[in-house]
Amino acid sequence: MRWLRFSAACVLALAACGAGRSGDGPGPDRRVLTAEEVEELDAADLYEVVRRRRPEWLRAIRLPGTGRDIPPLVYVDGQRFGGPASLRSITPPSVRYVEYLNATESHARFGNATAAGTIHVVTRATISPPPS
């Protein structure tokens, strides 16, 4: 029964995430924040940047029938870092890019299974290329 509830929550989360782009043609990818977008704001920490630029990334998902809210996870350079509040300890100049992974993508890349997805921060110290 728990697995069924979890599966249903994942399906709802995936549907809520959508394709990541608006239907109005080419535009900014809502699943990625570039270093330029991060640094354009005069913000003290990455939480503030995400709150202002991509507030939907911070939303918790309510698991049906449980009354529990599940927040997104935060990974930094591929390592689990914490919940959304952990973004407060990251300074904007240290960010190369930030990407949002839905539940399925998060599970495939990191092996976690959070219905609310994952915010993955890649710092300037990392040499991996940004997502295309």
Protein backbone atom coordinates (compact mmCIF):
# COMPACT_ATOMS: atom_id res chain seq x y z
CA MET A 1 0.00 0.00 0.00
CA ARG A 2 2.85 2.41 0.81
CA TRP A 3 4.45 1.68 -2.56
CA LEU A 4 1.16 2.48 -4.30
CA ARG A 5 0.90 5.82 -2.48
CA PHE A 6 4.52 6.64 -3.28
CA SER A 7 4.02 5.72 -6.95
CA ALA A 8 0.92 7.90 -7.14
CA ALA A 9 2.84 10.81 -5.58
CA CYS A 10 5.64 10.39 -8.12
CA VAL A 11 3.17 10.44 -11.00
CA LEU A 12 1.56 13.60 -9.62
CA ALA A 13 4.96 15.23 -9.18
CA LEU A 14 5.95 14.40 -12.74
CA ALA A 15 2.73 15.82 -14.08
CA ALA A 16 3.23 19.01 -12.06
CA CYS A 17 6.74 19.45 -13.40
CA GLY A 18 5.68 19.42 -17.05
CA ALA A 19 8.20 19.66 -19.83
CA GLY A 20 10.14 22.47 -18.20
CA ARG A 21 9.47 25.06 -20.93
CA SER A 22 6.53 27.29 -21.63
CA GLY A 23 4.47 26.62 -24.72
CA ASP A 24 5.25 30.08 -26.13
CA GLY A 25 8.24 28.93 -28.17
CA PRO A 26 11.93 29.33 -27.38
CA GLY A 27 12.74 30.88 -24.07
CA PRO A 28 14.70 30.32 -20.91
CA ASP A 29 14.85 26.73 -19.73
CA ARG A 30 12.85 26.67 -16.49
CA ARG A 31 14.83 23.60 -15.38
CA VAL A 32 18.21 25.36 -15.37
CA LEU A 33 19.55 28.51 -13.72
CA THR A 34 22.75 29.74 -15.34
CA ALA A 35 25.57 31.52 -13.52
CA GLU A 36 24.50 34.72 -15.27
CA GLU A 37 20.93 34.42 -13.96
CA VAL A 38 22.22 33.70 -10.47
CA GLU A 39 24.63 36.63 -10.43
CA GLU A 40 22.16 39.13 -11.96
CA LEU A 41 20.30 39.26 -8.68
CA ASP A 42 21.87 41.01 -5.76
CA ALA A 43 21.14 38.12 -3.39
CA ALA A 44 23.08 37.03 -0.33
CA ASP A 45 22.56 33.31 -0.90
CA LEU A 46 21.32 30.76 -3.43
CA TYR A 47 18.06 30.15 -1.57
CA GLU A 48 17.07 33.75 -2.26
CA VAL A 49 17.99 33.41 -5.95
CA VAL A 50 15.92 30.23 -6.36
CA ARG A 51 13.03 31.72 -4.38
CA ARG A 52 12.94 34.71 -6.74
CA ARG A 53 13.81 33.02 -10.06
CA ARG A 54 12.34 29.48 -9.75
CA PRO A 55 10.00 29.37 -6.72
CA GLU A 56 8.33 26.22 -8.05
CA TRP A 57 11.57 24.31 -7.34
CA LEU A 58 11.11 24.89 -3.59
CA ARG A 59 7.58 23.49 -3.35
CA ALA A 60 7.04 20.42 -1.23
CA ILE A 61 4.79 17.63 -2.47
CA ARG A 62 2.01 16.37 -0.20
CA LEU A 63 1.87 12.57 -0.16
CA PRO A 64 -1.74 11.50 -0.62
CA GLY A 65 -3.33 9.92 2.42
CA THR A 66 -0.39 10.70 4.72
CA GLY A 67 -0.68 14.42 5.37
CA ARG A 68 3.12 14.62 5.04
CA ASP A 69 4.89 17.20 2.91
CA ILE A 70 8.03 15.99 1.16
CA PRO A 71 10.49 18.76 0.21
CA PRO A 72 12.92 18.57 -2.70
CA LEU A 73 16.45 17.40 -1.97
CA VAL A 74 19.52 19.51 -2.64
CA TYR A 75 22.68 18.02 -4.13
CA VAL A 76 25.90 19.96 -4.61
CA ASP A 77 28.39 18.65 -7.16
CA GLY A 78 26.66 15.28 -7.09
CA GLN A 79 26.68 14.87 -3.28
CA ARG A 80 23.59 15.05 -1.08
CA PHE A 81 23.63 18.38 0.75
CA GLY A 82 20.27 18.64 2.54
CA GLY A 83 16.89 20.23 2.06
CA PRO A 84 15.98 23.56 0.48
CA ALA A 85 17.20 25.55 3.52
CA SER A 86 20.74 24.28 2.83
CA LEU A 87 20.78 26.59 -0.21
CA ARG A 88 21.24 29.45 2.28
CA SER A 89 24.85 28.37 2.83
CA ILE A 90 25.78 28.68 -0.88
CA THR A 91 26.99 32.04 -2.19
CA PRO A 92 25.93 33.06 -5.72
CA PRO A 93 29.50 33.66 -7.05
CA SER A 94 30.38 30.00 -6.34
CA VAL A 95 27.63 28.68 -8.66
CA ARG A 96 28.32 27.45 -12.19
CA TYR A 97 24.69 26.42 -12.78
CA VAL A 98 21.70 24.95 -10.95
CA GLU A 99 19.34 22.39 -12.42
CA TYR A 100 16.04 20.94 -11.31
CA LEU A 101 15.51 17.20 -11.73
CA ASN A 102 12.03 15.74 -11.46
CA ALA A 103 11.45 12.58 -9.41
CA THR A 104 12.29 10.17 -12.24
CA GLU A 105 15.45 12.02 -13.32
CA SER A 106 16.55 12.38 -9.70
CA HIS A 107 16.12 8.66 -9.08
CA ALA A 108 18.05 7.77 -12.25
CA ARG A 109 20.97 10.08 -11.46
CA PHE A 110 21.26 9.94 -7.69
CA GLY A 111 19.27 6.86 -6.72
CA ASN A 112 16.97 8.80 -4.43
CA ALA A 113 13.23 8.65 -4.76
CA THR A 114 11.86 11.97 -3.56
CA ALA A 115 8.53 12.86 -5.15
CA ALA A 116 9.45 16.57 -5.01
CA GLY A 117 12.56 16.17 -7.15
CA THR A 118 16.09 17.46 -6.65
CA ILE A 119 17.83 20.80 -6.94
CA HIS A 120 21.35 20.06 -8.19
CA VAL A 121 23.93 22.81 -7.73
CA VAL A 122 27.12 22.61 -9.75
CA THR A 123 29.83 24.88 -8.39
CA ARG A 124 32.64 26.58 -10.28
CA ALA A 125 35.04 24.03 -8.78
CA THR A 126 33.38 21.29 -10.87
CA ILE A 127 34.56 20.70 -14.43
CA SER A 128 31.45 18.96 -15.83
CA PRO A 129 29.71 20.75 -18.73
CA PRO A 130 26.35 22.41 -18.14
CA PRO A 131 23.24 20.57 -19.35
CA SER A 132 22.20 21.38 -22.90
